[in-house]
Amino acid sequence: MGSLSIWHWLIVILVVVLLFGRNKISDLMGDVAKGVKSFKKGLSDDDEAKLEEKPAVTVDVETAREKTKAG
């Protein structure tokens, strides 16, 4: 009683297609895909920005050894 059979789902899909039409549904799915792509692009832009913010750290080994010997 709680679950729907395949026939129920087919009827629901048919009613949705009849109400909204194929063009509106495909346009809606295209908009959803564009939103997902821009979300992924935004996430990758954030990662690149974080990598650019961190300065590269270089250590001169000889200078570090001299400082430890002197101190």
PDB file of N, CA and C in Angstrom:
ATOM      1  N   MET A   1       0.818  -1.187   0.000  1.00  0.00           N
ATOM      2  CA  MET A   1       0.000   0.000   0.000  1.00  0.00           C
ATOM      3  C   MET A   1       0.866   1.256   0.000  1.00  0.00           C
ATOM      4  N   GLY A   2       2.022   1.203   0.632  1.00  0.00           N
ATOM      5  CA  GLY A   2       2.861   2.386   0.758  1.00  0.00           C
ATOM      6  C   GLY A   2       3.674   2.689  -0.479  1.00  0.00           C
ATOM      7  N   SER A   3       3.952   1.700  -1.314  1.00  0.00           N
ATOM      8  CA  SER A   3       4.799   1.938  -2.477  1.00  0.00           C
ATOM      9  C   SER A   3       3.955   1.970  -3.752  1.00  0.00           C
ATOM     10  N   LEU A   4       4.488   2.645  -4.738  1.00  0.00           N
ATOM     11  CA  LEU A   4       3.785   2.749  -6.009  1.00  0.00           C
ATOM     12  C   LEU A   4       4.400   1.793  -7.021  1.00  0.00           C
ATOM     13  N   SER A   5       3.567   1.208  -7.853  1.00  0.00           N
ATOM     14  CA  SER A   5       4.072   0.292  -8.866  1.00  0.00           C
ATOM     15  C   SER A   5       4.575   1.081 -10.073  1.00  0.00           C
ATOM     16  N   ILE A   6       5.146   0.385 -11.033  1.00  0.00           N
ATOM     17  CA  ILE A   6       5.680   1.031 -12.228  1.00  0.00           C
ATOM     18  C   ILE A   6       4.562   1.726 -13.015  1.00  0.00           C
ATOM     19  N   TRP A   7       3.361   1.172 -12.972  1.00  0.00           N
ATOM     20  CA  TRP A   7       2.242   1.772 -13.705  1.00  0.00           C
ATOM     21  C   TRP A   7       1.843   3.111 -13.106  1.00  0.00           C
ATOM     22  N   HIS A   8       1.902   3.206 -11.807  1.00  0.00           N
ATOM     23  CA  HIS A   8       1.597   4.489 -11.164  1.00  0.00           C
ATOM     24  C   HIS A   8       2.605   5.554 -11.601  1.00  0.00           C
ATOM     25  N   TRP A   9       3.902   5.186 -11.614  1.00  0.00           N
ATOM     26  CA  TRP A   9       4.941   6.145 -12.009  1.00  0.00           C
ATOM     27  C   TRP A   9       4.787   6.552 -13.471  1.00  0.00           C
ATOM     28  N   LEU A  10       4.438   5.604 -14.341  1.00  0.00           N
ATOM     29  CA  LEU A  10       4.240   5.936 -15.757  1.00  0.00           C
ATOM     30  C   LEU A  10       3.080   6.903 -15.954  1.00  0.00           C
ATOM     31  N   ILE A  11       2.007   6.712 -15.210  1.00  0.00           N
ATOM     32  CA  ILE A  11       0.861   7.611 -15.304  1.00  0.00           C
ATOM     33  C   ILE A  11       1.235   9.002 -14.794  1.00  0.00           C
ATOM     34  N   VAL A  12       1.965   9.075 -13.696  1.00  0.00           N
ATOM     35  CA  VAL A  12       2.392  10.366 -13.156  1.00  0.00           C
ATOM     36  C   VAL A  12       3.290  11.091 -14.159  1.00  0.00           C
ATOM     37  N   ILE A  13       4.234  10.377 -14.755  1.00  0.00           N
ATOM     38  CA  ILE A  13       5.122  10.985 -15.750  1.00  0.00           C
ATOM     39  C   ILE A  13       4.333  11.465 -16.960  1.00  0.00           C
ATOM     40  N   LEU A  14       3.374  10.679 -17.410  1.00  0.00           N
ATOM     41  CA  LEU A  14       2.540  11.063 -18.546  1.00  0.00           C
ATOM     42  C   LEU A  14       1.753  12.331 -18.244  1.00  0.00           C
ATOM     43  N   VAL A  15       1.185  12.431 -17.059  1.00  0.00           N
ATOM     44  CA  VAL A  15       0.420  13.619 -16.675  1.00  0.00           C
ATOM     45  C   VAL A  15       1.336  14.844 -16.614  1.00  0.00           C
ATOM     46  N   VAL A  16       2.522  14.683 -16.067  1.00  0.00           N
ATOM     47  CA  VAL A  16       3.461  15.798 -15.983  1.00  0.00           C
ATOM     48  C   VAL A  16       3.853  16.268 -17.383  1.00  0.00           C
ATOM     49  N   VAL A  17       4.138  15.338 -18.281  1.00  0.00           N
ATOM     50  CA  VAL A  17       4.505  15.702 -19.653  1.00  0.00           C
ATOM     51  C   VAL A  17       3.340  16.401 -20.347  1.00  0.00           C
ATOM     52  N   LEU A  18       2.135  15.926 -20.125  1.00  0.00           N
ATOM     53  CA  LEU A  18       0.971  16.564 -20.749  1.00  0.00           C
ATOM     54  C   LEU A  18       0.734  17.966 -20.194  1.00  0.00           C
ATOM     55  N   LEU A  19       0.949  18.164 -18.905  1.00  0.00           N
ATOM     56  CA  LEU A  19       0.716  19.469 -18.307  1.00  0.00           C
ATOM     57  C   LEU A  19       1.782  20.487 -18.708  1.00  0.00           C
ATOM     58  N   PHE A  20       3.024  20.082 -18.642  1.00  0.00           N
ATOM     59  CA  PHE A  20       4.106  21.035 -18.877  1.00  0.00           C
ATOM     60  C   PHE A  20       4.643  21.020 -20.305  1.00  0.00           C
ATOM     61  N   GLY A  21       4.466  19.956 -20.997  1.00  0.00           N
ATOM     62  CA  GLY A  21       4.994  19.852 -22.352  1.00  0.00           C
ATOM     63  C   GLY A  21       6.460  19.465 -22.341  1.00  0.00           C
ATOM     64  N   ARG A  22       6.910  18.903 -23.454  1.00  0.00           N
ATOM     65  CA  ARG A  22       8.291  18.425 -23.529  1.00  0.00           C
ATOM     66  C   ARG A  22       9.276  19.587 -23.561  1.00  0.00           C
ATOM     67  N   ASN A  23       8.907  20.689 -24.199  1.00  0.00           N
ATOM     68  CA  ASN A  23       9.838  21.811 -24.317  1.00  0.00           C
ATOM     69  C   ASN A  23      10.138  22.444 -22.963  1.00  0.00           C
ATOM     70  N   LYS A  24       9.110  22.618 -22.142  1.00  0.00           N
ATOM     71  CA  LYS A  24       9.332  23.233 -20.836  1.00  0.00           C
ATOM     72  C   LYS A  24      10.180  22.335 -19.945  1.00  0.00           C
ATOM     73  N   ILE A  25       9.948  21.030 -20.015  1.00  0.00           N
ATOM     74  CA  ILE A  25      10.722  20.099 -19.189  1.00  0.00           C
ATOM     75  C   ILE A  25      12.181  20.078 -19.643  1.00  0.00           C
ATOM     76  N   SER A  26      12.420  20.055 -20.964  1.00  0.00           N
ATOM     77  CA  SER A  26      13.809  20.045 -21.440  1.00  0.00           C
ATOM     78  C   SER A  26      14.504  21.373 -21.128  1.00  0.00           C
ATOM     79  N   ASP A  27      13.766  22.493 -21.213  1.00  0.00           N
ATOM     80  CA  ASP A  27      14.350  23.784 -20.834  1.00  0.00           C
ATOM     81  C   ASP A  27      14.703  23.808 -19.350  1.00  0.00           C
ATOM     82  N   LEU A  28      13.825  23.254 -18.538  1.00  0.00           N
ATOM     83  CA  LEU A  28      14.070  23.199 -17.107  1.00  0.00           C
ATOM     84  C   LEU A  28      15.299  22.351 -16.799  1.00  0.00           C
ATOM     85  N   MET A  29      15.430  21.215 -17.455  1.00  0.00           N
ATOM     86  CA  MET A  29      16.587  20.350 -17.228  1.00  0.00           C
ATOM     87  C   MET A  29      17.868  21.026 -17.701  1.00  0.00           C
ATOM     88  N   GLY A  30      17.798  21.786 -18.794  1.00  0.00           N
ATOM     89  CA  GLY A  30      18.959  22.537 -19.267  1.00  0.00           C
ATOM     90  C   GLY A  30      19.380  23.595 -18.265  1.00  0.00           C
ATOM     91  N   ASP A  31      18.408  24.263 -17.658  1.00  0.00           N
ATOM     92  CA  ASP A  31      18.713  25.262 -16.637  1.00  0.00           C
ATOM     93  C   ASP A  31      19.341  24.626 -15.398  1.00  0.00           C
ATOM     94  N   VAL A  32      18.862  23.451 -15.033  1.00  0.00           N
ATOM     95  CA  VAL A  32      19.434  22.737 -13.893  1.00  0.00           C
ATOM     96  C   VAL A  32      20.885  22.352 -14.194  1.00  0.00           C
ATOM     97  N   ALA A  33      21.134  21.887 -15.415  1.00  0.00           N
ATOM     98  CA  ALA A  33      22.506  21.510 -15.797  1.00  0.00           C
ATOM     99  C   ALA A  33      23.433  22.720 -15.779  1.00  0.00           C
ATOM    100  N   LYS A  34      22.955  23.873 -16.250  1.00  0.00           N
ATOM    101  CA  LYS A  34      23.772  25.094 -16.219  1.00  0.00           C
ATOM    102  C   LYS A  34      24.075  25.495 -14.779  1.00  0.00           C
ATOM    103  N   GLY A  35      23.107  25.343 -13.904  1.00  0.00           N
ATOM    104  CA  GLY A  35      23.318  25.671 -12.495  1.00  0.00           C
ATOM    105  C   GLY A  35      24.357  24.769 -11.850  1.00  0.00           C
ATOM    106  N   VAL A  36      24.306  23.485 -12.165  1.00  0.00           N
ATOM    107  CA  VAL A  36      25.283  22.544 -11.616  1.00  0.00           C
ATOM    108  C   VAL A  36      26.678  22.872 -12.136  1.00  0.00           C
ATOM    109  N   LYS A  37      26.788  23.190 -13.428  1.00  0.00           N
ATOM    110  CA  LYS A  37      28.094  23.532 -14.005  1.00  0.00           C
ATOM    111  C   LYS A  37      28.665  24.793 -13.368  1.00  0.00           C
ATOM    112  N   SER A  38      27.834  25.802 -13.171  1.00  0.00           N
ATOM    113  CA  SER A  38      28.348  27.037 -12.568  1.00  0.00           C
ATOM    114  C   SER A  38      28.707  26.813 -11.099  1.00  0.00           C
ATOM    115  N   PHE A  39      27.993  25.933 -10.409  1.00  0.00           N
ATOM    116  CA  PHE A  39      28.329  25.603  -9.026  1.00  0.00           C
ATOM    117  C   PHE A  39      29.691  24.928  -8.951  1.00  0.00           C
ATOM    118  N   LYS A  40      29.931  23.960  -9.854  1.00  0.00           N
ATOM    119  CA  LYS A  40      31.218  23.274  -9.883  1.00  0.00           C
ATOM    120  C   LYS A  40      32.336  24.244 -10.236  1.00  0.00           C
ATOM    121  N   LYS A  41      32.067  25.153 -11.171  1.00  0.00           N
ATOM    122  CA  LYS A  41      33.075  26.139 -11.554  1.00  0.00           C
ATOM    123  C   LYS A  41      33.386  27.056 -10.370  1.00  0.00           C
ATOM    124  N   GLY A  42      32.384  27.449  -9.633  1.00  0.00           N
ATOM    125  CA  GLY A  42      32.589  28.282  -8.454  1.00  0.00           C
ATOM    126  C   GLY A  42      33.432  27.582  -7.402  1.00  0.00           C
ATOM    127  N   LEU A  43      33.207  26.283  -7.211  1.00  0.00           N
ATOM    128  CA  LEU A  43      34.013  25.535  -6.255  1.00  0.00           C
ATOM    129  C   LEU A  43      35.459  25.457  -6.704  1.00  0.00           C
ATOM    130  N   SER A  44      35.687  25.214  -7.995  1.00  0.00           N
ATOM    131  CA  SER A  44      37.066  25.112  -8.474  1.00  0.00           C
ATOM    132  C   SER A  44      37.747  26.477  -8.453  1.00  0.00           C
ATOM    133  N   ASP A  45      37.010  27.561  -8.673  1.00  0.00           N
ATOM    134  CA  ASP A  45      37.591  28.901  -8.588  1.00  0.00           C
ATOM    135  C   ASP A  45      38.028  29.211  -7.157  1.00  0.00           C
ATOM    136  N   ASP A  46      37.248  28.764  -6.178  1.00  0.00           N
ATOM    137  CA  ASP A  46      37.613  28.972  -4.777  1.00  0.00           C
ATOM    138  C   ASP A  46      38.895  28.234  -4.435  1.00  0.00           C
ATOM    139  N   ASP A  47      39.030  26.996  -4.939  1.00  0.00           N
ATOM    140  CA  ASP A  47      40.238  26.217  -4.672  1.00  0.00           C
ATOM    141  C   ASP A  47      41.458  26.884  -5.289  1.00  0.00           C
ATOM    142  N   GLU A  48      41.324  27.396  -6.517  1.00  0.00           N
ATOM    143  CA  GLU A  48      42.440  28.067  -7.176  1.00  0.00           C
ATOM    144  C   GLU A  48      42.810  29.351  -6.444  1.00  0.00           C
ATOM    145  N   ALA A  49      41.822  30.066  -5.948  1.00  0.00           N
ATOM    146  CA  ALA A  49      42.086  31.310  -5.225  1.00  0.00           C
ATOM    147  C   ALA A  49      42.838  31.019  -3.924  1.00  0.00           C
ATOM    148  N   LYS A  50      42.489  29.947  -3.239  1.00  0.00           N
ATOM    149  CA  LYS A  50      43.178  29.585  -2.005  1.00  0.00           C
ATOM    150  C   LYS A  50      44.632  29.219  -2.293  1.00  0.00           C
ATOM    151  N   LEU A  51      44.868  28.514  -3.403  1.00  0.00           N
ATOM    152  CA  LEU A  51      46.231  28.141  -3.749  1.00  0.00           C
ATOM    153  C   LEU A  51      47.071  29.364  -4.094  1.00  0.00           C
ATOM    154  N   GLU A  52      46.458  30.351  -4.739  1.00  0.00           N
ATOM    155  CA  GLU A  52      47.191  31.551  -5.121  1.00  0.00           C
ATOM    156  C   GLU A  52      47.507  32.428  -3.916  1.00  0.00           C
ATOM    157  N   GLU A  53      46.686  32.393  -2.883  1.00  0.00           N
ATOM    158  CA  GLU A  53      46.874  33.234  -1.707  1.00  0.00           C
ATOM    159  C   GLU A  53      48.063  32.793  -0.861  1.00  0.00           C
ATOM    160  N   LYS A  54      48.368  31.513  -0.846  1.00  0.00           N
ATOM    161  CA  LYS A  54      49.438  31.007  -0.003  1.00  0.00           C
ATOM    162  C   LYS A  54      50.788  31.333  -0.645  1.00  0.00           C
ATOM    163  N   PRO A  55      51.645  32.056   0.061  1.00  0.00           N
ATOM    164  CA  PRO A  55      52.963  32.355  -0.498  1.00  0.00           C
ATOM    165  C   PRO A  55      53.872  31.127  -0.434  1.00  0.00           C
ATOM    166  N   ALA A  56      54.759  31.055  -1.388  1.00  0.00           N
ATOM    167  CA  ALA A  56      55.709  29.955  -1.402  1.00  0.00           C
ATOM    168  C   ALA A  56      56.774  30.205  -0.346  1.00  0.00           C
ATOM    169  N   VAL A  57      57.094  29.193   0.425  1.00  0.00           N
ATOM    170  CA  VAL A  57      58.081  29.324   1.487  1.00  0.00           C
ATOM    171  C   VAL A  57      59.364  28.661   1.006  1.00  0.00           C
ATOM    172  N   THR A  58      60.443  29.441   0.987  1.00  0.00           N
ATOM    173  CA  THR A  58      61.736  28.883   0.625  1.00  0.00           C
ATOM    174  C   THR A  58      62.674  29.043   1.808  1.00  0.00           C
ATOM    175  N   VAL A  59      63.476  28.057   2.029  1.00  0.00           N
ATOM    176  CA  VAL A  59      64.396  28.066   3.154  1.00  0.00           C
ATOM    177  C   VAL A  59      65.803  27.851   2.613  1.00  0.00           C
ATOM    178  N   ASP A  60      66.695  28.739   3.000  1.00  0.00           N
ATOM    179  CA  ASP A  60      68.096  28.572   2.642  1.00  0.00           C
ATOM    180  C   ASP A  60      68.727  27.699   3.714  1.00  0.00           C
ATOM    181  N   VAL A  61      69.140  26.517   3.338  1.00  0.00           N
ATOM    182  CA  VAL A  61      69.639  25.538   4.295  1.00  0.00           C
ATOM    183  C   VAL A  61      70.924  26.026   4.954  1.00  0.00           C
ATOM    184  N   GLU A  62      71.808  26.608   4.170  1.00  0.00           N
ATOM    185  CA  GLU A  62      73.075  27.074   4.730  1.00  0.00           C
ATOM    186  C   GLU A  62      72.858  28.176   5.773  1.00  0.00           C
ATOM    187  N   THR A  63      71.978  29.106   5.487  1.00  0.00           N
ATOM    188  CA  THR A  63      71.690  30.189   6.428  1.00  0.00           C
ATOM    189  C   THR A  63      71.067  29.637   7.703  1.00  0.00           C
ATOM    190  N   ALA A  64      70.191  28.664   7.565  1.00  0.00           N
ATOM    191  CA  ALA A  64      69.543  28.057   8.730  1.00  0.00           C
ATOM    192  C   ALA A  64      70.572  27.337   9.592  1.00  0.00           C
ATOM    193  N   ARG A  65      71.525  26.661   8.977  1.00  0.00           N
ATOM    194  CA  ARG A  65      72.569  25.950   9.741  1.00  0.00           C
ATOM    195  C   ARG A  65      73.466  26.950  10.487  1.00  0.00           C
ATOM    196  N   GLU A  66      73.804  28.050   9.812  1.00  0.00           N
ATOM    197  CA  GLU A  66      74.655  29.057  10.445  1.00  0.00           C
ATOM    198  C   GLU A  66      73.963  29.675  11.641  1.00  0.00           C
ATOM    199  N   LYS A  67      72.669  29.916  11.519  1.00  0.00           N
ATOM    200  CA  LYS A  67      71.921  30.507  12.630  1.00  0.00           C
ATOM    201  C   LYS A  67      71.855  29.559  13.818  1.00  0.00           C
ATOM    202  N   THR A  68      71.698  28.257  13.555  1.00  0.00           N
ATOM    203  CA  THR A  68      71.626  27.308  14.662  1.00  0.00           C
ATOM    204  C   THR A  68      72.979  27.114  15.321  1.00  0.00           C
ATOM    205  N   LYS A  69      74.061  27.203  14.534  1.00  0.00           N
ATOM    206  CA  LYS A  69      75.404  27.077  15.113  1.00  0.00           C
ATOM    207  C   LYS A  69      75.747  28.315  15.942  1.00  0.00           C
ATOM    208  N   ALA A  70      75.334  29.495  15.462  1.00  0.00           N
ATOM    209  CA  ALA A  70      75.642  30.735  16.152  1.00  0.00           C
ATOM    210  C   ALA A  70      74.823  30.867  17.443  1.00  0.00           C
ATOM    211  N   GLY A  71      73.641  30.338  17.446  1.00  0.00           N
ATOM    212  CA  GLY A  71      72.738  30.550  18.568  1.00  0.00           C
ATOM    213  C   GLY A  71      72.802  29.525  19.583  1.00  0.00           C
TER     214      GLY A  71
END
